Amino acid sequence: MTAMAHQATQRITHDAAVMGGRPCIRGMRVTVGAIVGLLATGKTEDEVLAAYPYIEREDIHAALAFAAWRSEEVDLPLKAS
């Protein structure tokens, strides 16, 4: 695991009971996709923090690191047995 992925795993959680198991910020109902989506539409980190005052700048960085790490992951089909 890269340092970037390790940083992300400290702040990004998966829980089937929270947001359907999607990756979230520290168990809160704020998904990685929501944060990355806001940044992709041109919002600044400060604007994201204003919209979600209970997250931290490091959470934004972890969301970006997680998204980058996940985009590099390769899913391979399993062979039927």
N, C-alpha and C. Protein backbone atom coordinates (compact mmCIF):
# COMPACT_ATOMS: atom_id res chain seq x y z
N MET A 1 0.85 -1.17 0.00
CA MET A 1 0.00 0.00 0.00
C MET A 1 0.89 1.24 0.00
N THR A 2 0.56 2.19 -0.82
CA THR A 2 1.35 3.41 -0.90
C THR A 2 1.05 4.31 0.30
N ALA A 3 1.91 5.28 0.52
CA ALA A 3 1.69 6.24 1.61
C ALA A 3 0.39 6.98 1.40
N MET A 4 0.07 7.30 0.14
CA MET A 4 -1.17 8.00 -0.18
C MET A 4 -2.37 7.15 0.21
N ALA A 5 -2.35 5.88 -0.11
CA ALA A 5 -3.45 4.99 0.22
C ALA A 5 -3.56 4.81 1.73
N HIS A 6 -2.42 4.72 2.40
CA HIS A 6 -2.43 4.56 3.86
C HIS A 6 -3.07 5.78 4.52
N GLN A 7 -2.73 6.97 4.05
CA GLN A 7 -3.32 8.19 4.59
C GLN A 7 -4.83 8.15 4.42
N ALA A 8 -5.29 7.73 3.27
CA ALA A 8 -6.71 7.69 3.00
C ALA A 8 -7.42 6.70 3.92
N THR A 9 -6.81 5.56 4.18
CA THR A 9 -7.48 4.55 4.99
C THR A 9 -7.62 4.97 6.44
N GLN A 10 -6.89 5.96 6.88
CA GLN A 10 -7.02 6.45 8.24
C GLN A 10 -8.27 7.29 8.43
N ARG A 11 -8.78 7.88 7.37
CA ARG A 11 -9.91 8.79 7.46
C ARG A 11 -11.14 8.34 6.66
N ILE A 12 -10.96 7.40 5.77
CA ILE A 12 -12.06 6.93 4.92
C ILE A 12 -12.57 5.61 5.48
N THR A 13 -13.88 5.54 5.70
CA THR A 13 -14.47 4.35 6.29
C THR A 13 -15.53 3.76 5.36
N HIS A 14 -15.78 2.48 5.55
CA HIS A 14 -16.85 1.77 4.85
C HIS A 14 -17.71 1.08 5.90
N ASP A 15 -18.99 1.35 5.91
CA ASP A 15 -19.90 0.72 6.85
C ASP A 15 -21.22 0.52 6.13
N ALA A 16 -21.66 -0.71 6.06
CA ALA A 16 -22.90 -1.02 5.34
C ALA A 16 -24.09 -0.23 5.90
N ALA A 17 -24.02 0.18 7.16
CA ALA A 17 -25.12 0.91 7.79
C ALA A 17 -25.06 2.42 7.52
N VAL A 18 -23.99 2.88 6.90
CA VAL A 18 -23.83 4.32 6.63
C VAL A 18 -23.68 4.53 5.13
N MET A 19 -24.62 5.21 4.54
CA MET A 19 -24.60 5.56 3.11
C MET A 19 -24.43 4.32 2.23
N GLY A 20 -25.05 3.24 2.63
CA GLY A 20 -25.03 2.02 1.82
C GLY A 20 -23.65 1.40 1.63
N GLY A 21 -22.74 1.70 2.54
CA GLY A 21 -21.41 1.11 2.46
C GLY A 21 -20.46 1.87 1.56
N ARG A 22 -20.91 2.98 0.99
CA ARG A 22 -19.99 3.78 0.17
C ARG A 22 -18.90 4.38 1.05
N PRO A 23 -17.73 4.65 0.47
CA PRO A 23 -16.65 5.24 1.26
C PRO A 23 -17.05 6.62 1.79
N CYS A 24 -16.89 6.79 3.10
CA CYS A 24 -17.30 8.03 3.78
C CYS A 24 -16.13 8.62 4.56
N ILE A 25 -16.32 9.87 4.93
CA ILE A 25 -15.35 10.57 5.75
C ILE A 25 -15.59 10.21 7.21
N ARG A 26 -14.64 9.52 7.83
CA ARG A 26 -14.65 9.20 9.26
C ARG A 26 -16.00 8.75 9.80
N GLY A 27 -16.70 7.91 9.05
CA GLY A 27 -17.95 7.34 9.52
C GLY A 27 -19.14 8.28 9.45
N MET A 28 -18.92 9.49 8.96
CA MET A 28 -20.02 10.44 8.83
C MET A 28 -20.77 10.18 7.52
N ARG A 29 -21.90 10.82 7.37
CA ARG A 29 -22.71 10.65 6.18
C ARG A 29 -22.27 11.60 5.06
N VAL A 30 -20.97 11.71 4.90
CA VAL A 30 -20.36 12.51 3.83
C VAL A 30 -19.50 11.56 3.02
N THR A 31 -19.87 11.36 1.75
CA THR A 31 -19.15 10.38 0.95
C THR A 31 -17.93 11.00 0.26
N VAL A 32 -16.99 10.13 -0.05
CA VAL A 32 -15.83 10.53 -0.84
C VAL A 32 -16.30 11.13 -2.15
N GLY A 33 -17.31 10.50 -2.77
CA GLY A 33 -17.84 10.99 -4.04
C GLY A 33 -18.39 12.40 -3.95
N ALA A 34 -19.04 12.73 -2.83
CA ALA A 34 -19.57 14.08 -2.65
C ALA A 34 -18.45 15.11 -2.61
N ILE A 35 -17.40 14.80 -1.88
CA ILE A 35 -16.27 15.72 -1.74
C ILE A 35 -15.54 15.87 -3.08
N VAL A 36 -15.23 14.75 -3.71
CA VAL A 36 -14.52 14.81 -4.99
C VAL A 36 -15.39 15.50 -6.04
N GLY A 37 -16.68 15.24 -6.01
CA GLY A 37 -17.59 15.88 -6.95
C GLY A 37 -17.62 17.39 -6.80
N LEU A 38 -17.64 17.87 -5.57
CA LEU A 38 -17.62 19.32 -5.35
C LEU A 38 -16.33 19.94 -5.89
N LEU A 39 -15.21 19.29 -5.61
CA LEU A 39 -13.93 19.81 -6.11
C LEU A 39 -13.89 19.77 -7.64
N ALA A 40 -14.48 18.73 -8.22
CA ALA A 40 -14.49 18.60 -9.69
C ALA A 40 -15.32 19.69 -10.35
N THR A 41 -16.31 20.21 -9.64
CA THR A 41 -17.13 21.28 -10.21
C THR A 41 -16.53 22.66 -9.98
N GLY A 42 -15.35 22.69 -9.37
CA GLY A 42 -14.65 23.97 -9.21
C GLY A 42 -14.71 24.57 -7.82
N LYS A 43 -15.37 23.90 -6.89
CA LYS A 43 -15.39 24.43 -5.52
C LYS A 43 -14.00 24.35 -4.93
N THR A 44 -13.66 25.32 -4.11
CA THR A 44 -12.36 25.31 -3.44
C THR A 44 -12.46 24.49 -2.16
N GLU A 45 -11.33 24.15 -1.60
CA GLU A 45 -11.33 23.43 -0.32
C GLU A 45 -12.05 24.24 0.74
N ASP A 46 -11.84 25.55 0.75
CA ASP A 46 -12.50 26.40 1.74
C ASP A 46 -14.01 26.37 1.57
N GLU A 47 -14.50 26.34 0.33
CA GLU A 47 -15.94 26.26 0.09
C GLU A 47 -16.50 24.92 0.55
N VAL A 48 -15.75 23.85 0.33
CA VAL A 48 -16.18 22.53 0.78
C VAL A 48 -16.24 22.51 2.31
N LEU A 49 -15.23 23.07 2.95
CA LEU A 49 -15.20 23.12 4.42
C LEU A 49 -16.35 23.97 4.96
N ALA A 50 -16.73 25.02 4.25
CA ALA A 50 -17.86 25.85 4.68
C ALA A 50 -19.17 25.07 4.54
N ALA A 51 -19.28 24.26 3.49
CA ALA A 51 -20.49 23.46 3.27
C ALA A 51 -20.59 22.31 4.27
N TYR A 52 -19.45 21.79 4.69
CA TYR A 52 -19.39 20.68 5.64
C TYR A 52 -18.46 21.07 6.79
N PRO A 53 -18.93 21.92 7.70
CA PRO A 53 -18.03 22.45 8.75
C PRO A 53 -17.50 21.40 9.73
N TYR A 54 -18.05 20.20 9.72
CA TYR A 54 -17.61 19.15 10.63
C TYR A 54 -16.53 18.27 10.04
N ILE A 55 -16.09 18.54 8.80
CA ILE A 55 -14.93 17.82 8.26
C ILE A 55 -13.71 18.73 8.32
N GLU A 56 -12.56 18.13 8.14
CA GLU A 56 -11.29 18.86 8.21
C GLU A 56 -10.60 18.84 6.86
N ARG A 57 -9.70 19.77 6.67
CA ARG A 57 -8.95 19.85 5.41
C ARG A 57 -8.27 18.51 5.10
N GLU A 58 -7.77 17.84 6.13
CA GLU A 58 -7.12 16.54 5.93
C GLU A 58 -8.10 15.50 5.40
N ASP A 59 -9.39 15.64 5.73
CA ASP A 59 -10.42 14.74 5.20
C ASP A 59 -10.55 14.93 3.68
N ILE A 60 -10.47 16.16 3.23
CA ILE A 60 -10.54 16.44 1.79
C ILE A 60 -9.35 15.79 1.09
N HIS A 61 -8.18 15.96 1.67
CA HIS A 61 -6.98 15.36 1.07
C HIS A 61 -7.07 13.84 1.06
N ALA A 62 -7.63 13.28 2.13
CA ALA A 62 -7.79 11.82 2.18
C ALA A 62 -8.79 11.36 1.14
N ALA A 63 -9.86 12.11 0.92
CA ALA A 63 -10.84 11.75 -0.10
C ALA A 63 -10.20 11.75 -1.48
N LEU A 64 -9.39 12.74 -1.76
CA LEU A 64 -8.68 12.79 -3.05
C LEU A 64 -7.69 11.64 -3.18
N ALA A 65 -6.97 11.36 -2.11
CA ALA A 65 -6.01 10.26 -2.14
C ALA A 65 -6.72 8.93 -2.35
N PHE A 66 -7.85 8.74 -1.67
CA PHE A 66 -8.62 7.51 -1.82
C PHE A 66 -9.12 7.36 -3.25
N ALA A 67 -9.67 8.44 -3.80
CA ALA A 67 -10.19 8.39 -5.18
C ALA A 67 -9.07 8.08 -6.17
N ALA A 68 -7.90 8.67 -5.97
CA ALA A 68 -6.77 8.40 -6.87
C ALA A 68 -6.32 6.96 -6.75
N TRP A 69 -6.23 6.47 -5.52
CA TRP A 69 -5.82 5.08 -5.28
C TRP A 69 -6.83 4.12 -5.89
N ARG A 70 -8.11 4.40 -5.67
CA ARG A 70 -9.16 3.50 -6.17
C ARG A 70 -9.21 3.51 -7.70
N SER A 71 -8.92 4.64 -8.30
CA SER A 71 -8.97 4.70 -9.77
C SER A 71 -7.85 3.88 -10.41
N GLU A 72 -6.79 3.61 -9.66
CA GLU A 72 -5.68 2.82 -10.18
C GLU A 72 -5.87 1.32 -9.94
N GLU A 73 -6.83 0.98 -9.10
CA GLU A 73 -7.08 -0.42 -8.78
C GLU A 73 -7.73 -1.10 -9.99
N VAL A 74 -7.37 -2.34 -10.20
CA VAL A 74 -7.90 -3.10 -11.33
C VAL A 74 -8.78 -4.22 -10.80
N ASP A 75 -10.00 -4.25 -11.28
CA ASP A 75 -10.91 -5.33 -10.92
C ASP A 75 -10.84 -6.40 -11.99
N LEU A 76 -10.57 -7.61 -11.58
CA LEU A 76 -10.48 -8.73 -12.50
C LEU A 76 -11.66 -9.67 -12.26
N PRO A 77 -12.24 -10.17 -13.33
CA PRO A 77 -13.36 -11.10 -13.13
C PRO A 77 -12.87 -12.42 -12.56
N LEU A 78 -13.69 -13.03 -11.75
CA LEU A 78 -13.37 -14.34 -11.19
C LEU A 78 -13.84 -15.40 -12.17
N LYS A 79 -13.05 -16.44 -12.29
CA LYS A 79 -13.44 -17.56 -13.15
C LYS A 79 -14.46 -18.42 -12.42
N ALA A 80 -15.47 -18.83 -13.14
CA ALA A 80 -16.47 -19.72 -12.54
C ALA A 80 -15.82 -21.08 -12.27
N SER A 81 -16.18 -21.67 -11.15
CA SER A 81 -15.59 -22.97 -10.83
C SER A 81 -16.55 -24.10 -11.13
